[in-house]
PDB file of N, CA and C in Angstrom:
ATOM      1  N   MET A   1       0.224  -2.091 -14.017  1.00  0.00           N
ATOM      2  CA  MET A   1       1.045  -1.415 -12.867  1.00  0.00           C
ATOM      3  C   MET A   1       2.294  -2.579 -13.052  1.00  0.00           C
ATOM      4  N   PRO A   2       3.508  -1.862 -12.568  1.00  0.00           N
ATOM      5  CA  PRO A   2       4.810  -2.386 -12.518  1.00  0.00           C
ATOM      6  C   PRO A   2       4.763  -3.509 -11.531  1.00  0.00           C
ATOM      7  N   ASP A   3       5.278  -4.751 -11.586  1.00  0.00           N
ATOM      8  CA  ASP A   3       5.345  -5.622 -10.514  1.00  0.00           C
ATOM      9  C   ASP A   3       6.402  -5.191  -9.427  1.00  0.00           C
ATOM     10  N   SER A   4       7.217  -4.491  -9.647  1.00  0.00           N
ATOM     11  CA  SER A   4       8.144  -3.920  -8.785  1.00  0.00           C
ATOM     12  C   SER A   4       7.200  -3.307  -7.560  1.00  0.00           C
ATOM     13  N   ASP A   5       6.182  -2.286  -8.033  1.00  0.00           N
ATOM     14  CA  ASP A   5       5.357  -1.490  -7.231  1.00  0.00           C
ATOM     15  C   ASP A   5       4.752  -2.538  -6.305  1.00  0.00           C
ATOM     16  N   ALA A   6       4.098  -3.440  -6.595  1.00  0.00           N
ATOM     17  CA  ALA A   6       3.483  -4.573  -5.962  1.00  0.00           C
ATOM     18  C   ALA A   6       4.280  -5.105  -4.823  1.00  0.00           C
ATOM     19  N   LYS A   7       5.903  -5.484  -5.308  1.00  0.00           N
ATOM     20  CA  LYS A   7       6.786  -6.163  -4.409  1.00  0.00           C
ATOM     21  C   LYS A   7       7.207  -5.167  -3.295  1.00  0.00           C
ATOM     22  N   LEU A   8       7.003  -3.904  -3.659  1.00  0.00           N
ATOM     23  CA  LEU A   8       7.521  -2.830  -2.451  1.00  0.00           C
ATOM     24  C   LEU A   8       6.661  -2.691  -1.508  1.00  0.00           C
ATOM     25  N   ILE A   9       5.265  -2.650  -2.040  1.00  0.00           N
ATOM     26  CA  ILE A   9       4.092  -2.428  -1.237  1.00  0.00           C
ATOM     27  C   ILE A   9       4.091  -3.622  -0.421  1.00  0.00           C
ATOM     28  N   ALA A  10       4.254  -4.860  -0.918  1.00  0.00           N
ATOM     29  CA  ALA A  10       4.369  -6.093   0.094  1.00  0.00           C
ATOM     30  C   ALA A  10       5.257  -6.280   0.840  1.00  0.00           C
ATOM     31  N   THR A  11       6.293  -5.667   0.656  1.00  0.00           N
ATOM     32  CA  THR A  11       7.410  -5.628   1.954  1.00  0.00           C
ATOM     33  C   THR A  11       7.031  -4.720   2.561  1.00  0.00           C
ATOM     34  N   LEU A  12       6.459  -3.524   2.392  1.00  0.00           N
ATOM     35  CA  LEU A  12       5.958  -2.446   3.596  1.00  0.00           C
ATOM     36  C   LEU A  12       4.743  -3.095   4.242  1.00  0.00           C
ATOM     37  N   LEU A  13       4.199  -3.896   4.111  1.00  0.00           N
ATOM     38  CA  LEU A  13       3.037  -4.504   4.706  1.00  0.00           C
ATOM     39  C   LEU A  13       3.112  -5.562   5.504  1.00  0.00           C
ATOM     40  N   GLN A  14       3.711  -6.905   4.426  1.00  0.00           N
ATOM     41  CA  GLN A  14       3.830  -8.000   5.239  1.00  0.00           C
ATOM     42  C   GLN A  14       4.999  -8.704   4.872  1.00  0.00           C
ATOM     43  N   GLY A  15       5.783  -8.534   4.029  1.00  0.00           N
ATOM     44  CA  GLY A  15       6.710  -9.497   3.559  1.00  0.00           C
ATOM     45  C   GLY A  15       6.694  -9.646   2.096  1.00  0.00           C
ATOM     46  N   HIS A  16       7.441 -10.853   1.609  1.00  0.00           N
ATOM     47  CA  HIS A  16       8.032 -11.154   0.231  1.00  0.00           C
ATOM     48  C   HIS A  16       7.007 -12.529  -0.171  1.00  0.00           C
ATOM     49  N   SER A  17       6.211 -13.015   0.725  1.00  0.00           N
ATOM     50  CA  SER A  17       5.550 -14.085   0.245  1.00  0.00           C
ATOM     51  C   SER A  17       4.646 -13.911  -0.981  1.00  0.00           C
ATOM     52  N   GLY A  18       4.165 -14.928  -2.008  1.00  0.00           N
ATOM     53  CA  GLY A  18       3.250 -14.816  -3.140  1.00  0.00           C
ATOM     54  C   GLY A  18       1.899 -14.283  -2.588  1.00  0.00           C
ATOM     55  N   ALA A  19       1.396 -14.486  -1.626  1.00  0.00           N
ATOM     56  CA  ALA A  19       0.260 -13.871  -0.874  1.00  0.00           C
ATOM     57  C   ALA A  19       0.241 -12.451  -0.853  1.00  0.00           C
ATOM     58  N   ALA A  20       1.524 -12.147  -0.111  1.00  0.00           N
ATOM     59  CA  ALA A  20       1.735 -10.677  -0.001  1.00  0.00           C
ATOM     60  C   ALA A  20       1.691  -9.972  -1.231  1.00  0.00           C
ATOM     61  N   VAL A  21       2.347 -10.519  -2.320  1.00  0.00           N
ATOM     62  CA  VAL A  21       2.388  -9.577  -3.377  1.00  0.00           C
ATOM     63  C   VAL A  21       1.053  -9.648  -4.057  1.00  0.00           C
ATOM     64  N   GLU A  22       0.145 -10.414  -4.039  1.00  0.00           N
ATOM     65  CA  GLU A  22      -1.010 -10.627  -4.500  1.00  0.00           C
ATOM     66  C   GLU A  22      -1.780  -9.266  -3.789  1.00  0.00           C
ATOM     67  N   PHE A  23      -1.618  -9.491  -2.359  1.00  0.00           N
ATOM     68  CA  PHE A  23      -2.363  -8.304  -1.628  1.00  0.00           C
ATOM     69  C   PHE A  23      -1.944  -7.189  -2.317  1.00  0.00           C
ATOM     70  N   ALA A  24      -0.819  -6.921  -2.243  1.00  0.00           N
ATOM     71  CA  ALA A  24      -0.350  -5.644  -2.804  1.00  0.00           C
ATOM     72  C   ALA A  24      -1.157  -5.261  -4.332  1.00  0.00           C
ATOM     73  N   ARG A  25      -1.076  -6.265  -5.172  1.00  0.00           N
ATOM     74  CA  ARG A  25      -1.622  -6.000  -6.408  1.00  0.00           C
ATOM     75  C   ARG A  25      -3.138  -5.593  -6.353  1.00  0.00           C
ATOM     76  N   GLN A  26      -3.831  -6.335  -5.370  1.00  0.00           N
ATOM     77  CA  GLN A  26      -4.890  -5.668  -5.476  1.00  0.00           C
ATOM     78  C   GLN A  26      -5.331  -4.587  -4.694  1.00  0.00           C
ATOM     79  N   LEU A  27      -4.565  -4.189  -3.886  1.00  0.00           N
ATOM     80  CA  LEU A  27      -4.595  -2.797  -3.245  1.00  0.00           C
ATOM     81  C   LEU A  27      -4.038  -1.769  -4.396  1.00  0.00           C
ATOM     82  N   LEU A  28      -3.160  -2.041  -5.097  1.00  0.00           N
ATOM     83  CA  LEU A  28      -2.684  -0.984  -6.242  1.00  0.00           C
ATOM     84  C   LEU A  28      -4.049  -1.027  -7.328  1.00  0.00           C
ATOM     85  N   ALA A  29      -4.466  -1.910  -7.673  1.00  0.00           N
ATOM     86  CA  ALA A  29      -5.506  -1.952  -8.659  1.00  0.00           C
ATOM     87  C   ALA A  29      -6.794  -1.307  -8.037  1.00  0.00           C
ATOM     88  N   ALA A  30      -7.016  -1.459  -6.910  1.00  0.00           N
ATOM     89  CA  ALA A  30      -8.397  -0.806  -6.267  1.00  0.00           C
ATOM     90  C   ALA A  30      -8.046   0.507  -6.280  1.00  0.00           C
ATOM     91  N   PHE A  31      -6.880   1.001  -6.128  1.00  0.00           N
ATOM     92  CA  PHE A  31      -6.571   2.675  -6.140  1.00  0.00           C
ATOM     93  C   PHE A  31      -6.203   3.202  -7.676  1.00  0.00           C
ATOM     94  N   GLY A  32      -5.909   2.337  -8.381  1.00  0.00           N
ATOM     95  CA  GLY A  32      -5.435   2.787  -9.793  1.00  0.00           C
ATOM     96  C   GLY A  32      -3.755   2.935  -9.798  1.00  0.00           C
ATOM     97  N   GLY A  33      -3.171   2.332  -8.960  1.00  0.00           N
ATOM     98  CA  GLY A  33      -1.698   2.606  -9.170  1.00  0.00           C
ATOM     99  C   GLY A  33      -1.049   3.076  -7.624  1.00  0.00           C
ATOM    100  N   LEU A  34       0.057   3.374  -7.889  1.00  0.00           N
ATOM    101  CA  LEU A  34       0.979   3.525  -6.530  1.00  0.00           C
ATOM    102  C   LEU A  34       0.621   4.933  -6.253  1.00  0.00           C
ATOM    103  N   ARG A  35       0.715   5.967  -7.005  1.00  0.00           N
ATOM    104  CA  ARG A  35       0.546   7.215  -6.648  1.00  0.00           C
ATOM    105  C   ARG A  35      -0.748   7.509  -6.011  1.00  0.00           C
ATOM    106  N   ALA A  36      -1.793   6.866  -6.666  1.00  0.00           N
ATOM    107  CA  ALA A  36      -3.038   7.115  -5.985  1.00  0.00           C
ATOM    108  C   ALA A  36      -3.394   6.455  -4.569  1.00  0.00           C
ATOM    109  N   LEU A  37      -2.550   5.041  -4.469  1.00  0.00           N
ATOM    110  CA  LEU A  37      -2.553   4.327  -3.188  1.00  0.00           C
ATOM    111  C   LEU A  37      -1.819   5.281  -2.079  1.00  0.00           C
ATOM    112  N   LEU A  38      -0.642   5.854  -2.566  1.00  0.00           N
ATOM    113  CA  LEU A  38       0.120   6.811  -1.513  1.00  0.00           C
ATOM    114  C   LEU A  38      -0.483   8.065  -1.280  1.00  0.00           C
ATOM    115  N   GLN A  39      -1.512   8.390  -2.122  1.00  0.00           N
ATOM    116  CA  GLN A  39      -2.343   9.705  -1.900  1.00  0.00           C
ATOM    117  C   GLN A  39      -3.789   9.555  -1.209  1.00  0.00           C
ATOM    118  N   ALA A  40      -4.064   8.354  -0.827  1.00  0.00           N
ATOM    119  CA  ALA A  40      -5.166   7.820  -0.580  1.00  0.00           C
ATOM    120  C   ALA A  40      -5.426   8.254   1.079  1.00  0.00           C
ATOM    121  N   ASP A  41      -6.185   8.637   1.938  1.00  0.00           N
ATOM    122  CA  ASP A  41      -6.635   9.145   3.266  1.00  0.00           C
ATOM    123  C   ASP A  41      -6.839   7.786   3.846  1.00  0.00           C
ATOM    124  N   ARG A  42      -7.020   7.821   5.125  1.00  0.00           N
ATOM    125  CA  ARG A  42      -6.930   6.716   6.262  1.00  0.00           C
ATOM    126  C   ARG A  42      -8.198   6.003   5.969  1.00  0.00           C
ATOM    127  N   HIS A  43      -9.034   6.425   5.816  1.00  0.00           N
ATOM    128  CA  HIS A  43     -10.617   6.214   5.851  1.00  0.00           C
ATOM    129  C   HIS A  43     -10.660   5.306   4.529  1.00  0.00           C
ATOM    130  N   SER A  44     -10.303   5.722   3.587  1.00  0.00           N
ATOM    131  CA  SER A  44     -10.233   5.087   2.192  1.00  0.00           C
ATOM    132  C   SER A  44      -9.277   3.766   2.153  1.00  0.00           C
ATOM    133  N   LEU A  45      -8.321   4.004   2.843  1.00  0.00           N
ATOM    134  CA  LEU A  45      -7.225   2.725   3.053  1.00  0.00           C
ATOM    135  C   LEU A  45      -8.015   1.598   3.887  1.00  0.00           C
ATOM    136  N   ILE A  46      -8.505   2.225   5.048  1.00  0.00           N
ATOM    137  CA  ILE A  46      -9.042   1.056   6.091  1.00  0.00           C
ATOM    138  C   ILE A  46     -10.477   0.438   5.562  1.00  0.00           C
ATOM    139  N   ALA A  47     -11.039   1.087   4.266  1.00  0.00           N
ATOM    140  CA  ALA A  47     -12.339   0.794   3.718  1.00  0.00           C
ATOM    141  C   ALA A  47     -11.929  -0.573   2.788  1.00  0.00           C
ATOM    142  N   GLN A  48     -10.566  -0.892   2.468  1.00  0.00           N
ATOM    143  CA  GLN A  48     -10.140  -1.932   1.820  1.00  0.00           C
ATOM    144  C   GLN A  48     -10.136  -3.202   2.774  1.00  0.00           C
ATOM    145  N   PRO A  49     -10.518  -4.294   2.158  1.00  0.00           N
ATOM    146  CA  PRO A  49     -10.657  -5.636   2.698  1.00  0.00           C
ATOM    147  C   PRO A  49      -9.013  -5.917   3.033  1.00  0.00           C
ATOM    148  N   GLY A  50      -8.615  -6.186   4.109  1.00  0.00           N
ATOM    149  CA  GLY A  50      -7.306  -6.836   4.574  1.00  0.00           C
ATOM    150  C   GLY A  50      -6.485  -5.618   5.335  1.00  0.00           C
ATOM    151  N   VAL A  51      -7.252  -4.086   5.109  1.00  0.00           N
ATOM    152  CA  VAL A  51      -6.252  -3.017   5.596  1.00  0.00           C
ATOM    153  C   VAL A  51      -6.868  -2.614   6.842  1.00  0.00           C
ATOM    154  N   GLY A  52      -6.221  -2.634   7.984  1.00  0.00           N
ATOM    155  CA  GLY A  52      -6.788  -1.941   9.269  1.00  0.00           C
ATOM    156  C   GLY A  52      -5.866  -1.028   9.474  1.00  0.00           C
ATOM    157  N   GLU A  53      -5.896  -0.391  10.993  1.00  0.00           N
ATOM    158  CA  GLU A  53      -5.186   0.642  11.229  1.00  0.00           C
ATOM    159  C   GLU A  53      -3.657   0.665  11.226  1.00  0.00           C
ATOM    160  N   ALA A  54      -3.020  -0.581  11.456  1.00  0.00           N
ATOM    161  CA  ALA A  54      -1.805  -0.753  11.133  1.00  0.00           C
ATOM    162  C   ALA A  54      -1.162  -0.569   9.745  1.00  0.00           C
ATOM    163  N   ARG A  55      -1.805  -1.117   8.920  1.00  0.00           N
ATOM    164  CA  ARG A  55      -1.636  -1.181   7.598  1.00  0.00           C
ATOM    165  C   ARG A  55      -1.749   0.016   7.060  1.00  0.00           C
ATOM    166  N   ALA A  56      -2.910   0.749   7.227  1.00  0.00           N
ATOM    167  CA  ALA A  56      -3.101   2.420   6.796  1.00  0.00           C
ATOM    168  C   ALA A  56      -1.710   3.238   7.319  1.00  0.00           C
ATOM    169  N   ALA A  57      -1.594   2.774   8.574  1.00  0.00           N
ATOM    170  CA  ALA A  57      -0.390   3.698   8.987  1.00  0.00           C
ATOM    171  C   ALA A  57       0.923   3.495   8.345  1.00  0.00           C
ATOM    172  N   ARG A  58       1.104   2.493   7.987  1.00  0.00           N
ATOM    173  CA  ARG A  58       2.401   2.030   7.067  1.00  0.00           C
ATOM    174  C   ARG A  58       2.460   2.836   5.923  1.00  0.00           C
ATOM    175  N   ILE A  59       1.061   2.611   5.210  1.00  0.00           N
ATOM    176  CA  ILE A  59       0.804   3.081   3.860  1.00  0.00           C
ATOM    177  C   ILE A  59       1.260   4.840   3.995  1.00  0.00           C
ATOM    178  N   LEU A  60       0.416   5.431   4.991  1.00  0.00           N
ATOM    179  CA  LEU A  60       0.540   6.642   5.327  1.00  0.00           C
ATOM    180  C   LEU A  60       1.702   7.338   5.281  1.00  0.00           C
ATOM    181  N   ALA A  61       2.706   6.360   6.255  1.00  0.00           N
ATOM    182  CA  ALA A  61       4.017   6.891   6.741  1.00  0.00           C
ATOM    183  C   ALA A  61       5.059   7.135   5.234  1.00  0.00           C
ATOM    184  N   VAL A  62       4.752   6.273   4.107  1.00  0.00           N
ATOM    185  CA  VAL A  62       5.674   6.524   3.167  1.00  0.00           C
ATOM    186  C   VAL A  62       5.846   7.839   2.636  1.00  0.00           C
ATOM    187  N   PRO A  63       4.562   8.506   2.177  1.00  0.00           N
ATOM    188  CA  PRO A  63       4.736   9.868   1.419  1.00  0.00           C
ATOM    189  C   PRO A  63       5.364  10.962   2.571  1.00  0.00           C
ATOM    190  N   GLU A  64       5.042  10.846   3.916  1.00  0.00           N
ATOM    191  CA  GLU A  64       5.328  11.610   4.863  1.00  0.00           C
ATOM    192  C   GLU A  64       6.845  11.492   4.989  1.00  0.00           C
ATOM    193  N   LEU A  65       7.365  10.218   5.343  1.00  0.00           N
ATOM    194  CA  LEU A  65       8.706  10.124   5.057  1.00  0.00           C
ATOM    195  C   LEU A  65       9.358  10.888   3.990  1.00  0.00           C
ATOM    196  N   GLY A  66       9.061  10.729   2.830  1.00  0.00           N
ATOM    197  CA  GLY A  66       9.408  11.502   1.569  1.00  0.00           C
ATOM    198  C   GLY A  66       9.273  12.795   1.639  1.00  0.00           C
ATOM    199  N   ARG A  67       8.174  13.581   2.413  1.00  0.00           N
ATOM    200  CA  ARG A  67       8.127  15.067   2.467  1.00  0.00           C
ATOM    201  C   ARG A  67       9.214  15.509   3.421  1.00  0.00           C
ATOM    202  N   ARG A  68       9.370  14.546   4.359  1.00  0.00           N
ATOM    203  CA  ARG A  68      10.504  15.136   5.299  1.00  0.00           C
ATOM    204  C   ARG A  68      11.893  14.771   4.838  1.00  0.00           C
ATOM    205  N   TYR A  69      12.097  13.985   4.007  1.00  0.00           N
ATOM    206  CA  TYR A  69      13.501  13.697   3.450  1.00  0.00           C
ATOM    207  C   TYR A  69      13.765  14.948   2.763  1.00  0.00           C
TER     208      TYR A  69
END
């Protein structure tokens, strides 16, 4: 997975720190990539360690914004 994907997800969720990028990498790996992460449902997202309602909502907002654009 491209490191740029991890950096984008890290920015969306919590910032640019090394820990944020590593957390984003773990999420991307858990879902098998950016497309799958952005297609995940709320329950699948919340089942991931470190993902609660707020982070799940941020992730779910990305494809919705894309559809509206």
